[in-house]
Amino acid sequence: MSMDWTEVRIRVATADTDRASDIANMAVPYGIYVEDYSDLEQGAREIAHIDLIDEDLLKRDRTQSIIHIYLEPQENPTETVAFLRERFAACGIDNEVDTNTISEQDWANNWKQYFKPLSVGKRLLICPTWETTDNPEGRLVLSIDPGMAFGTGGHDTTRMVLEAVESYITPETDVLDVGCGSGILSIASLLLGARSAVGVDIDALAVKMALENGTVNGYAAPQYTIRQGDLVEQITGQYEVILANIVADAILKLSPAIPAFLKPGGVYIVSGIIEERGDEVETGLKACGFTVRERRVHGGWCCFVCGKD
């Protein structure tokens, strides 16, 4: 196994730099590097007190910035890039993401060495489709190949939802999974005994992977339905459990519409919230008529289990 770090470069419009940087910071705990030349001349005068600026610098594109993040050798680049792409899509941030150690094509295979069977909660065992696994505890096996979609179960945000949802699934439960990524939360819900699961994602690649992962685990419509499009435009009916493992801004934007889809006595479980924004999201949830029943925190991330007032 090589010991190369992976540099991920994210190109966004300068107006989106701050929001995109917040999302990039979620992907790595140890900082990011941002190239932003939009206020180059003003910055040079105010900070460095110089008027002469290198010609090469002046030629740089002022309308875009580049965010660089660096992944340690043991990190899974595919999971990180998929996480970024889906979070940017959820926030409507146009972006180009590339990496400079290995091409996306190579990754689709290289990263597999980082994804090993994983026990989650009391009952689930998440297993890559390309590995066979011993299961001495007799756990429910969820086979998954996320491809380039977010959700192997290894990320704290996903794991907290999986652990939380386990307590709320019954044979009468209908689940809605908003921003479903690889389909992992919907499939886990069905394995845990839910009656049905509907997933929706704006990302066509995520929808494709979610459908394939459903098939691998033996689930198809009408029990397991995946739709592409805006979070709530595609959805009708009411659900006992609604899951949203997305990002703080998207949760705040989405949550006013959620009560209409939640059955009385149902739960709304949200995750993907960086710890620093936990209080802000909790306040937003309360403003939408939710009561926070549980607040889980792990690895710098928050997950809330909410009920309707």
C-alpha atoms as a PDB file:
ATOM      1  CA  MET A   1       0.000   0.000   0.000  1.00  0.00           C
ATOM      2  CA  SER A   2       1.441   3.381  -0.925  1.00  0.00           C
ATOM      3  CA  MET A   3       1.895   6.044   1.724  1.00  0.00           C
ATOM      4  CA  ASP A   4       0.887   8.912  -0.548  1.00  0.00           C
ATOM      5  CA  TRP A   5      -1.283  11.694   0.744  1.00  0.00           C
ATOM      6  CA  THR A   6      -4.074  12.787  -1.587  1.00  0.00           C
ATOM      7  CA  GLU A   7      -4.584  16.442  -2.405  1.00  0.00           C
ATOM      8  CA  VAL A   8      -8.203  17.292  -3.197  1.00  0.00           C
ATOM      9  CA  ARG A   9      -8.732  20.583  -5.031  1.00  0.00           C
ATOM     10  CA  ILE A  10     -12.150  22.191  -5.010  1.00  0.00           C
ATOM     11  CA  ARG A  11     -12.783  25.081  -7.395  1.00  0.00           C
ATOM     12  CA  VAL A  12     -15.760  27.323  -6.546  1.00  0.00           C
ATOM     13  CA  ALA A  13     -16.973  30.855  -7.284  1.00  0.00           C
ATOM     14  CA  THR A  14     -15.422  33.341  -4.856  1.00  0.00           C
ATOM     15  CA  ALA A  15     -18.903  34.236  -3.558  1.00  0.00           C
ATOM     16  CA  ASP A  16     -19.249  30.629  -2.372  1.00  0.00           C
ATOM     17  CA  THR A  17     -15.775  30.392  -0.805  1.00  0.00           C
ATOM     18  CA  ASP A  18     -16.896  30.718   2.823  1.00  0.00           C
ATOM     19  CA  ARG A  19     -19.734  28.192   2.593  1.00  0.00           C
ATOM     20  CA  ALA A  20     -17.594  25.780   0.566  1.00  0.00           C
ATOM     21  CA  SER A  21     -14.727  26.142   3.059  1.00  0.00           C
ATOM     22  CA  ASP A  22     -17.073  25.244   5.931  1.00  0.00           C
ATOM     23  CA  ILE A  23     -18.046  22.062   4.101  1.00  0.00           C
ATOM     24  CA  ALA A  24     -14.415  21.255   3.235  1.00  0.00           C
ATOM     25  CA  ASN A  25     -13.522  21.722   6.902  1.00  0.00           C
ATOM     26  CA  MET A  26     -16.044  19.033   7.778  1.00  0.00           C
ATOM     27  CA  ALA A  27     -14.156  16.566   5.605  1.00  0.00           C
ATOM     28  CA  VAL A  28     -10.812  17.010   7.346  1.00  0.00           C
ATOM     29  CA  PRO A  29     -10.264  17.892  10.996  1.00  0.00           C
ATOM     30  CA  TYR A  30      -6.840  19.469  10.527  1.00  0.00           C
ATOM     31  CA  GLY A  31      -7.431  22.493   8.341  1.00  0.00           C
ATOM     32  CA  ILE A  32      -7.656  23.527   4.726  1.00  0.00           C
ATOM     33  CA  TYR A  33      -5.791  25.915   2.452  1.00  0.00           C
ATOM     34  CA  VAL A  34      -7.741  28.425   0.372  1.00  0.00           C
ATOM     35  CA  GLU A  35      -6.441  30.284  -2.694  1.00  0.00           C
ATOM     36  CA  ASP A  36      -8.641  33.325  -3.151  1.00  0.00           C
ATOM     37  CA  TYR A  37      -7.374  36.199  -5.276  1.00  0.00           C
ATOM     38  CA  SER A  38     -10.580  38.245  -5.338  1.00  0.00           C
ATOM     39  CA  ASP A  39      -9.258  40.990  -3.059  1.00  0.00           C
ATOM     40  CA  LEU A  40      -5.634  40.613  -4.073  1.00  0.00           C
ATOM     41  CA  GLU A  41      -4.830  44.286  -4.716  1.00  0.00           C
ATOM     42  CA  GLN A  42      -6.715  45.635  -1.721  1.00  0.00           C
ATOM     43  CA  GLY A  43      -5.171  42.963   0.493  1.00  0.00           C
ATOM     44  CA  ALA A  44      -1.700  43.756  -0.757  1.00  0.00           C
ATOM     45  CA  ARG A  45      -2.124  47.454   0.028  1.00  0.00           C
ATOM     46  CA  GLU A  46      -3.780  47.035   3.425  1.00  0.00           C
ATOM     47  CA  ILE A  47      -1.853  44.097   4.789  1.00  0.00           C
ATOM     48  CA  ALA A  48       1.535  44.199   3.114  1.00  0.00           C
ATOM     49  CA  HIS A  49       1.528  47.926   2.237  1.00  0.00           C
ATOM     50  CA  ILE A  50       2.711  47.265  -1.305  1.00  0.00           C
ATOM     51  CA  ASP A  51       1.390  48.475  -4.632  1.00  0.00           C
ATOM     52  CA  LEU A  52       3.557  46.348  -6.892  1.00  0.00           C
ATOM     53  CA  ILE A  53       2.152  42.863  -7.297  1.00  0.00           C
ATOM     54  CA  ASP A  54       3.740  39.978  -9.142  1.00  0.00           C
ATOM     55  CA  GLU A  55       2.439  39.814 -12.748  1.00  0.00           C
ATOM     56  CA  ASP A  56       1.639  36.083 -12.420  1.00  0.00           C
ATOM     57  CA  LEU A  57      -0.525  36.779  -9.399  1.00  0.00           C
ATOM     58  CA  LEU A  58      -2.397  39.529 -11.220  1.00  0.00           C
ATOM     59  CA  LYS A  59      -3.217  37.078 -14.005  1.00  0.00           C
ATOM     60  CA  ARG A  60      -4.925  34.692 -11.577  1.00  0.00           C
ATOM     61  CA  ASP A  61      -8.657  34.216 -11.900  1.00  0.00           C
ATOM     62  CA  ARG A  62     -10.372  36.569  -9.415  1.00  0.00           C
ATOM     63  CA  THR A  63     -13.820  35.053  -9.910  1.00  0.00           C
ATOM     64  CA  GLN A  64     -12.934  31.642  -8.499  1.00  0.00           C
ATOM     65  CA  SER A  65     -11.112  30.316  -5.506  1.00  0.00           C
ATOM     66  CA  ILE A  66      -9.465  26.959  -4.984  1.00  0.00           C
ATOM     67  CA  ILE A  67      -9.798  25.110  -1.706  1.00  0.00           C
ATOM     68  CA  HIS A  68      -7.148  22.486  -1.042  1.00  0.00           C
ATOM     69  CA  ILE A  69      -7.561  19.674   1.438  1.00  0.00           C
ATOM     70  CA  TYR A  70      -5.038  16.974   2.148  1.00  0.00           C
ATOM     71  CA  LEU A  71      -5.995  13.417   3.057  1.00  0.00           C
ATOM     72  CA  GLU A  72      -3.747  11.152   5.070  1.00  0.00           C
ATOM     73  CA  PRO A  73      -2.793   7.825   3.462  1.00  0.00           C
ATOM     74  CA  GLN A  74      -5.337   5.866   5.505  1.00  0.00           C
ATOM     75  CA  GLU A  75      -8.216   8.204   4.590  1.00  0.00           C
ATOM     76  CA  ASN A  76     -10.674   7.081   1.932  1.00  0.00           C
ATOM     77  CA  PRO A  77     -10.529   9.654  -0.900  1.00  0.00           C
ATOM     78  CA  THR A  78     -13.697   8.381  -2.583  1.00  0.00           C
ATOM     79  CA  GLU A  79     -15.760   8.831   0.575  1.00  0.00           C
ATOM     80  CA  THR A  80     -14.387  12.346   1.019  1.00  0.00           C
ATOM     81  CA  VAL A  81     -15.000  13.461  -2.575  1.00  0.00           C
ATOM     82  CA  ALA A  82     -18.490  11.956  -2.584  1.00  0.00           C
ATOM     83  CA  PHE A  83     -19.218  13.706   0.729  1.00  0.00           C
ATOM     84  CA  LEU A  84     -18.064  17.041  -0.748  1.00  0.00           C
ATOM     85  CA  ARG A  85     -19.984  16.629  -4.017  1.00  0.00           C
ATOM     86  CA  GLU A  86     -23.237  15.768  -2.260  1.00  0.00           C
ATOM     87  CA  ARG A  87     -22.913  18.516   0.346  1.00  0.00           C
ATOM     88  CA  PHE A  88     -22.159  21.105  -2.363  1.00  0.00           C
ATOM     89  CA  ALA A  89     -25.143  19.900  -4.415  1.00  0.00           C
ATOM     90  CA  ALA A  90     -27.398  20.140  -1.350  1.00  0.00           C
ATOM     91  CA  CYS A  91     -26.293  23.766  -0.851  1.00  0.00           C
ATOM     92  CA  GLY A  92     -26.436  24.656  -4.554  1.00  0.00           C
ATOM     93  CA  ILE A  93     -22.703  25.424  -4.778  1.00  0.00           C
ATOM     94  CA  ASP A  94     -21.247  24.906  -8.278  1.00  0.00           C
ATOM     95  CA  ASN A  95     -17.900  23.171  -7.976  1.00  0.00           C
ATOM     96  CA  GLU A  96     -15.173  21.215  -9.688  1.00  0.00           C
ATOM     97  CA  VAL A  97     -13.373  18.658  -7.558  1.00  0.00           C
ATOM     98  CA  ASP A  98     -10.191  16.940  -8.634  1.00  0.00           C
ATOM     99  CA  THR A  99      -7.317  15.161  -6.950  1.00  0.00           C
ATOM    100  CA  ASN A 100      -3.697  15.123  -7.846  1.00  0.00           C
ATOM    101  CA  THR A 101      -2.310  11.805  -6.729  1.00  0.00           C
ATOM    102  CA  ILE A 102      -4.605   9.314  -8.418  1.00  0.00           C
ATOM    103  CA  SER A 103      -7.313   9.715 -11.024  1.00  0.00           C
ATOM    104  CA  GLU A 104     -10.950   9.212 -10.063  1.00  0.00           C
ATOM    105  CA  GLN A 105     -10.965   6.073 -12.190  1.00  0.00           C
ATOM    106  CA  ASP A 106      -8.123   4.492 -10.251  1.00  0.00           C
ATOM    107  CA  TRP A 107      -9.702   5.386  -6.987  1.00  0.00           C
ATOM    108  CA  ALA A 108     -12.850   3.539  -7.682  1.00  0.00           C
ATOM    109  CA  ASN A 109     -10.629   0.501  -7.103  1.00  0.00           C
ATOM    110  CA  ASN A 110      -7.749   1.814  -4.968  1.00  0.00           C
ATOM    111  CA  TRP A 111      -9.866   3.112  -2.131  1.00  0.00           C
ATOM    112  CA  LYS A 112     -11.432  -0.296  -1.544  1.00  0.00           C
ATOM    113  CA  GLN A 113      -8.479  -1.283   0.629  1.00  0.00           C
ATOM    114  CA  TYR A 114      -9.679   1.249   3.236  1.00  0.00           C
ATOM    115  CA  PHE A 115     -13.240  -0.056   3.521  1.00  0.00           C
ATOM    116  CA  LYS A 116     -13.492  -3.068   5.818  1.00  0.00           C
ATOM    117  CA  PRO A 117     -16.527  -4.771   7.434  1.00  0.00           C
ATOM    118  CA  LEU A 118     -17.875  -2.586  10.221  1.00  0.00           C
ATOM    119  CA  SER A 119     -20.199  -3.405  13.130  1.00  0.00           C
ATOM    120  CA  VAL A 120     -22.618  -0.557  13.822  1.00  0.00           C
ATOM    121  CA  GLY A 121     -25.015  -0.274  16.747  1.00  0.00           C
ATOM    122  CA  LYS A 122     -26.351  -3.470  18.276  1.00  0.00           C
ATOM    123  CA  ARG A 123     -27.508  -5.299  15.166  1.00  0.00           C
ATOM    124  CA  LEU A 124     -25.880  -4.197  11.901  1.00  0.00           C
ATOM    125  CA  LEU A 125     -22.750  -5.346  10.090  1.00  0.00           C
ATOM    126  CA  ILE A 126     -21.841  -3.204   7.090  1.00  0.00           C
ATOM    127  CA  CYS A 127     -19.829  -5.134   4.557  1.00  0.00           C
ATOM    128  CA  PRO A 128     -18.327  -4.089   1.215  1.00  0.00           C
ATOM    129  CA  THR A 129     -19.831  -6.119  -1.623  1.00  0.00           C
ATOM    130  CA  TRP A 130     -16.375  -7.323  -2.690  1.00  0.00           C
ATOM    131  CA  GLU A 131     -15.530  -8.915   0.689  1.00  0.00           C
ATOM    132  CA  THR A 132     -16.894 -11.951   2.439  1.00  0.00           C
ATOM    133  CA  THR A 133     -17.120 -11.639   6.175  1.00  0.00           C
ATOM    134  CA  ASP A 134     -17.292 -13.733   9.309  1.00  0.00           C
ATOM    135  CA  ASN A 135     -20.359 -12.847  11.330  1.00  0.00           C
ATOM    136  CA  PRO A 136     -20.048 -14.700  14.642  1.00  0.00           C
ATOM    137  CA  GLU A 137     -22.570 -12.408  16.375  1.00  0.00           C
ATOM    138  CA  GLY A 138     -25.225 -13.136  13.744  1.00  0.00           C
ATOM    139  CA  ARG A 139     -25.671  -9.471  12.849  1.00  0.00           C
ATOM    140  CA  LEU A 140     -27.839  -8.206   9.976  1.00  0.00           C
ATOM    141  CA  VAL A 141     -25.465  -7.872   7.021  1.00  0.00           C
ATOM    142  CA  LEU A 142     -25.808  -4.760   4.880  1.00  0.00           C
ATOM    143  CA  SER A 143     -23.782  -5.196   1.662  1.00  0.00           C
ATOM    144  CA  ILE A 144     -22.747  -1.938   0.081  1.00  0.00           C
ATOM    145  CA  ASP A 145     -20.663  -0.568  -2.771  1.00  0.00           C
ATOM    146  CA  PRO A 146     -20.998   3.200  -2.537  1.00  0.00           C
ATOM    147  CA  GLY A 147     -19.137   3.788  -5.803  1.00  0.00           C
ATOM    148  CA  MET A 148     -18.726   7.551  -5.949  1.00  0.00           C
ATOM    149  CA  ALA A 149     -21.730   8.228  -3.657  1.00  0.00           C
ATOM    150  CA  PHE A 150     -21.417   9.174   0.002  1.00  0.00           C
ATOM    151  CA  GLY A 151     -22.159   6.531   2.620  1.00  0.00           C
ATOM    152  CA  THR A 152     -20.081   3.522   3.619  1.00  0.00           C
ATOM    153  CA  GLY A 153     -21.089   3.764   7.275  1.00  0.00           C
ATOM    154  CA  GLY A 154     -17.532   4.675   8.248  1.00  0.00           C
ATOM    155  CA  HIS A 155     -18.247   8.377   8.621  1.00  0.00           C
ATOM    156  CA  ASP A 156     -19.333   9.577  12.099  1.00  0.00           C
ATOM    157  CA  THR A 157     -22.391  11.344  10.662  1.00  0.00           C
ATOM    158  CA  THR A 158     -23.723   8.170   9.036  1.00  0.00           C
ATOM    159  CA  ARG A 159     -22.884   5.955  11.981  1.00  0.00           C
ATOM    160  CA  MET A 160     -24.729   8.200  14.458  1.00  0.00           C
ATOM    161  CA  VAL A 161     -27.906   8.041  12.338  1.00  0.00           C
ATOM    162  CA  LEU A 162     -27.618   4.246  12.035  1.00  0.00           C
ATOM    163  CA  GLU A 163     -27.221   3.925  15.813  1.00  0.00           C
ATOM    164  CA  ALA A 164     -30.123   6.303  16.481  1.00  0.00           C
ATOM    165  CA  VAL A 165     -32.550   4.825  13.948  1.00  0.00           C
ATOM    166  CA  GLU A 166     -32.197   1.328  15.409  1.00  0.00           C
ATOM    167  CA  SER A 167     -34.389   2.346  18.399  1.00  0.00           C
ATOM    168  CA  TYR A 168     -37.239   3.684  16.268  1.00  0.00           C
ATOM    169  CA  ILE A 169     -37.867   1.037  13.605  1.00  0.00           C
ATOM    170  CA  THR A 170     -40.879  -1.278  13.921  1.00  0.00           C
ATOM    171  CA  PRO A 171     -42.630  -3.484  11.323  1.00  0.00           C
ATOM    172  CA  GLU A 172     -45.107  -0.580  10.802  1.00  0.00           C
ATOM    173  CA  THR A 173     -42.423   2.018  10.090  1.00  0.00           C
ATOM    174  CA  ASP A 174     -42.299   3.856   6.764  1.00  0.00           C
ATOM    175  CA  VAL A 175     -38.983   5.695   6.354  1.00  0.00           C
ATOM    176  CA  LEU A 176     -38.085   8.774   4.284  1.00  0.00           C
ATOM    177  CA  ASP A 177     -34.362   9.320   3.661  1.00  0.00           C
ATOM    178  CA  VAL A 178     -33.593  12.829   2.393  1.00  0.00           C
ATOM    179  CA  GLY A 179     -30.252  13.167   0.572  1.00  0.00           C
ATOM    180  CA  CYS A 180     -29.897   9.384   0.530  1.00  0.00           C
ATOM    181  CA  GLY A 181     -26.417   9.085  -1.038  1.00  0.00           C
ATOM    182  CA  SER A 182     -25.475   5.412  -1.374  1.00  0.00           C
ATOM    183  CA  GLY A 183     -28.865   4.361   0.072  1.00  0.00           C
ATOM    184  CA  ILE A 184     -27.216   3.021   3.231  1.00  0.00           C
ATOM    185  CA  LEU A 185     -29.749   4.501   5.695  1.00  0.00           C
ATOM    186  CA  SER A 186     -32.781   3.323   3.731  1.00  0.00           C
ATOM    187  CA  ILE A 187     -31.381  -0.193   3.305  1.00  0.00           C
ATOM    188  CA  ALA A 188     -30.394  -0.354   6.988  1.00  0.00           C
ATOM    189  CA  SER A 189     -33.946   0.665   7.960  1.00  0.00           C
ATOM    190  CA  LEU A 190     -35.410  -2.181   5.902  1.00  0.00           C
ATOM    191  CA  LEU A 191     -32.922  -4.685   7.343  1.00  0.00           C
ATOM    192  CA  LEU A 192     -33.933  -3.515  10.836  1.00  0.00           C
ATOM    193  CA  GLY A 193     -37.543  -4.359   9.970  1.00  0.00           C
ATOM    194  CA  ALA A 194     -39.108  -1.205   8.503  1.00  0.00           C
ATOM    195  CA  ARG A 195     -42.127  -1.711   6.234  1.00  0.00           C
ATOM    196  CA  SER A 196     -40.861   0.615   3.469  1.00  0.00           C
ATOM    197  CA  ALA A 197     -38.188   3.187   2.679  1.00  0.00           C
ATOM    198  CA  VAL A 198     -38.158   6.062   0.203  1.00  0.00           C
ATOM    199  CA  GLY A 199     -34.861   7.789  -0.610  1.00  0.00           C
ATOM    200  CA  VAL A 200     -34.431  11.017  -2.527  1.00  0.00           C
ATOM    201  CA  ASP A 201     -31.225  12.655  -3.769  1.00  0.00           C
ATOM    202  CA  ILE A 202     -30.412  15.505  -6.111  1.00  0.00           C
ATOM    203  CA  ASP A 203     -27.288  13.700  -7.398  1.00  0.00           C
ATOM    204  CA  ALA A 204     -27.900  11.316 -10.319  1.00  0.00           C
ATOM    205  CA  LEU A 205     -24.855   9.222  -9.413  1.00  0.00           C
ATOM    206  CA  ALA A 206     -26.118   8.752  -5.859  1.00  0.00           C
ATOM    207  CA  VAL A 207     -29.523   7.637  -7.185  1.00  0.00           C
ATOM    208  CA  LYS A 208     -27.865   5.074  -9.461  1.00  0.00           C
ATOM    209  CA  MET A 209     -25.717   3.655  -6.632  1.00  0.00           C
ATOM    210  CA  ALA A 210     -28.636   3.643  -4.176  1.00  0.00           C
ATOM    211  CA  LEU A 211     -30.737   1.583  -6.610  1.00  0.00           C
ATOM    212  CA  GLU A 212     -27.870  -0.856  -7.236  1.00  0.00           C
ATOM    213  CA  ASN A 213     -27.211  -1.224  -3.502  1.00  0.00           C
ATOM    214  CA  GLY A 214     -30.899  -1.923  -2.936  1.00  0.00           C
ATOM    215  CA  THR A 215     -30.781  -4.725  -5.507  1.00  0.00           C
ATOM    216  CA  VAL A 216     -27.663  -6.269  -3.913  1.00  0.00           C
ATOM    217  CA  ASN A 217     -29.526  -6.444  -0.584  1.00  0.00           C
ATOM    218  CA  GLY A 218     -32.689  -7.831  -2.171  1.00  0.00           C
ATOM    219  CA  TYR A 219     -34.809  -4.661  -1.999  1.00  0.00           C
ATOM    220  CA  ALA A 220     -36.768  -3.060  -4.838  1.00  0.00           C
ATOM    221  CA  ALA A 221     -39.910  -0.944  -5.371  1.00  0.00           C
ATOM    222  CA  PRO A 222     -42.462  -0.567  -3.907  1.00  0.00           C
ATOM    223  CA  GLN A 223     -40.761  -1.526  -0.621  1.00  0.00           C
ATOM    224  CA  TYR A 224     -37.586   0.404  -1.520  1.00  0.00           C
ATOM    225  CA  THR A 225     -37.996   3.456  -3.766  1.00  0.00           C
ATOM    226  CA  ILE A 226     -35.332   5.958  -4.823  1.00  0.00           C
ATOM    227  CA  ARG A 227     -36.197   9.240  -6.538  1.00  0.00           C
ATOM    228  CA  GLN A 228     -34.013  11.903  -8.080  1.00  0.00           C
ATOM    229  CA  GLY A 229     -34.716  15.552  -7.524  1.00  0.00           C
ATOM    230  CA  ASP A 230     -35.263  18.279  -5.017  1.00  0.00           C
ATOM    231  CA  LEU A 231     -35.624  17.107  -1.470  1.00  0.00           C
ATOM    232  CA  VAL A 232     -39.346  17.618  -1.007  1.00  0.00           C
ATOM    233  CA  GLU A 233     -40.743  18.146  -4.514  1.00  0.00           C
ATOM    234  CA  GLN A 234     -40.559  14.410  -5.189  1.00  0.00           C
ATOM    235  CA  ILE A 235     -42.253  13.274  -1.991  1.00  0.00           C
ATOM    236  CA  THR A 236     -45.852  12.682  -0.923  1.00  0.00           C
ATOM    237  CA  GLY A 237     -47.457  10.973   2.057  1.00  0.00           C
ATOM    238  CA  GLN A 238     -46.361  10.757   5.686  1.00  0.00           C
ATOM    239  CA  TYR A 239     -43.654   8.791   7.448  1.00  0.00           C
ATOM    240  CA  GLU A 240     -42.920   7.581  10.976  1.00  0.00           C
ATOM    241  CA  VAL A 241     -39.180   8.186  10.545  1.00  0.00           C
ATOM    242  CA  ILE A 242     -37.538  10.894   8.423  1.00  0.00           C
ATOM    243  CA  LEU A 243     -33.737  10.881   8.085  1.00  0.00           C
ATOM    244  CA  ALA A 244     -31.567  13.722   6.789  1.00  0.00           C
ATOM    245  CA  ASN A 245     -27.812  13.151   6.915  1.00  0.00           C
ATOM    246  CA  ILE A 246     -26.845  16.207   4.904  1.00  0.00           C
ATOM    247  CA  VAL A 247     -25.309  19.492   6.086  1.00  0.00           C
ATOM    248  CA  ALA A 248     -26.343  22.277   8.485  1.00  0.00           C
ATOM    249  CA  ASP A 249     -27.458  24.782   5.802  1.00  0.00           C
ATOM    250  CA  ALA A 250     -29.497  22.192   3.921  1.00  0.00           C
ATOM    251  CA  ILE A 251     -31.139  20.981   7.154  1.00  0.00           C
ATOM    252  CA  LEU A 252     -32.123  24.549   8.087  1.00  0.00           C
ATOM    253  CA  LYS A 253     -33.522  25.160   4.595  1.00  0.00           C
ATOM    254  CA  LEU A 254     -35.378  21.851   4.468  1.00  0.00           C
ATOM    255  CA  SER A 255     -36.799  21.564   7.977  1.00  0.00           C
ATOM    256  CA  PRO A 256     -39.763  23.983   7.687  1.00  0.00           C
ATOM    257  CA  ALA A 257     -41.247  21.622   5.072  1.00  0.00           C
ATOM    258  CA  ILE A 258     -40.698  18.428   7.106  1.00  0.00           C
ATOM    259  CA  PRO A 259     -43.578  18.560   9.649  1.00  0.00           C
ATOM    260  CA  ALA A 260     -46.099  18.031   6.824  1.00  0.00           C
ATOM    261  CA  PHE A 261     -44.416  14.669   6.018  1.00  0.00           C
ATOM    262  CA  LEU A 262     -44.004  13.445   9.608  1.00  0.00           C
ATOM    263  CA  LYS A 263     -46.718  11.259  11.125  1.00  0.00           C
ATOM    264  CA  PRO A 264     -47.920  12.184  14.626  1.00  0.00           C
ATOM    265  CA  GLY A 265     -45.515  10.630  17.120  1.00  0.00           C
ATOM    266  CA  GLY A 266     -42.842  10.208  14.412  1.00  0.00           C
ATOM    267  CA  VAL A 267     -39.161  11.142  14.614  1.00  0.00           C
ATOM    268  CA  TYR A 268     -36.980  13.366  12.437  1.00  0.00           C
ATOM    269  CA  ILE A 269     -33.306  12.388  12.733  1.00  0.00           C
ATOM    270  CA  VAL A 270     -30.787  14.888  11.345  1.00  0.00           C
ATOM    271  CA  SER A 271     -27.023  14.570  11.079  1.00  0.00           C
ATOM    272  CA  GLY A 272     -24.056  15.957   9.135  1.00  0.00           C
ATOM    273  CA  ILE A 273     -23.939  18.980  11.449  1.00  0.00           C
ATOM    274  CA  ILE A 274     -20.512  20.227  12.445  1.00  0.00           C
ATOM    275  CA  GLU A 275     -20.415  20.604  16.244  1.00  0.00           C
ATOM    276  CA  GLU A 276     -19.831  24.378  16.121  1.00  0.00           C
ATOM    277  CA  ARG A 277     -23.188  24.803  14.384  1.00  0.00           C
ATOM    278  CA  GLY A 278     -25.124  22.454  16.665  1.00  0.00           C
ATOM    279  CA  ASP A 279     -26.829  25.190  18.713  1.00  0.00           C
ATOM    280  CA  GLU A 280     -27.773  27.149  15.598  1.00  0.00           C
ATOM    281  CA  VAL A 281     -29.380  24.066  14.018  1.00  0.00           C
ATOM    282  CA  GLU A 282     -31.150  23.168  17.273  1.00  0.00           C
ATOM    283  CA  THR A 283     -32.641  26.693  17.403  1.00  0.00           C
ATOM    284  CA  GLY A 284     -33.731  26.347  13.756  1.00  0.00           C
ATOM    285  CA  LEU A 285     -35.376  22.985  14.463  1.00  0.00           C
ATOM    286  CA  LYS A 286     -37.292  24.418  17.422  1.00  0.00           C
ATOM    287  CA  ALA A 287     -38.503  27.294  15.234  1.00  0.00           C
ATOM    288  CA  CYS A 288     -39.982  24.673  12.860  1.00  0.00           C
ATOM    289  CA  GLY A 289     -41.978  23.121  15.722  1.00  0.00           C
ATOM    290  CA  PHE A 290     -39.594  20.302  16.655  1.00  0.00           C
ATOM    291  CA  THR A 291     -38.517  19.197  20.112  1.00  0.00           C
ATOM    292  CA  VAL A 292     -34.993  17.789  20.320  1.00  0.00           C
ATOM    293  CA  ARG A 293     -35.238  14.472  22.182  1.00  0.00           C
ATOM    294  CA  GLU A 294     -31.623  13.387  21.815  1.00  0.00           C
ATOM    295  CA  ARG A 295     -28.423  15.159  20.904  1.00  0.00           C
ATOM    296  CA  ARG A 296     -25.606  12.800  19.978  1.00  0.00           C
ATOM    297  CA  VAL A 297     -22.064  14.105  19.485  1.00  0.00           C
ATOM    298  CA  HIS A 298     -19.135  12.186  18.059  1.00  0.00           C
ATOM    299  CA  GLY A 299     -15.885  13.160  16.335  1.00  0.00           C
ATOM    300  CA  GLY A 300     -16.867  16.832  16.055  1.00  0.00           C
ATOM    301  CA  TRP A 301     -20.316  16.064  14.588  1.00  0.00           C
ATOM    302  CA  CYS A 302     -23.861  16.379  15.960  1.00  0.00           C
ATOM    303  CA  CYS A 303     -26.909  14.223  15.337  1.00  0.00           C
ATOM    304  CA  PHE A 304     -30.354  15.241  16.644  1.00  0.00           C
ATOM    305  CA  VAL A 305     -33.389  13.041  17.170  1.00  0.00           C
ATOM    306  CA  CYS A 306     -36.468  15.301  17.024  1.00  0.00           C
ATOM    307  CA  GLY A 307     -40.177  14.914  17.628  1.00  0.00           C
ATOM    308  CA  LYS A 308     -42.970  17.254  16.534  1.00  0.00           C
ATOM    309  CA  ASP A 309     -44.429  19.517  19.243  1.00  0.00           C
END
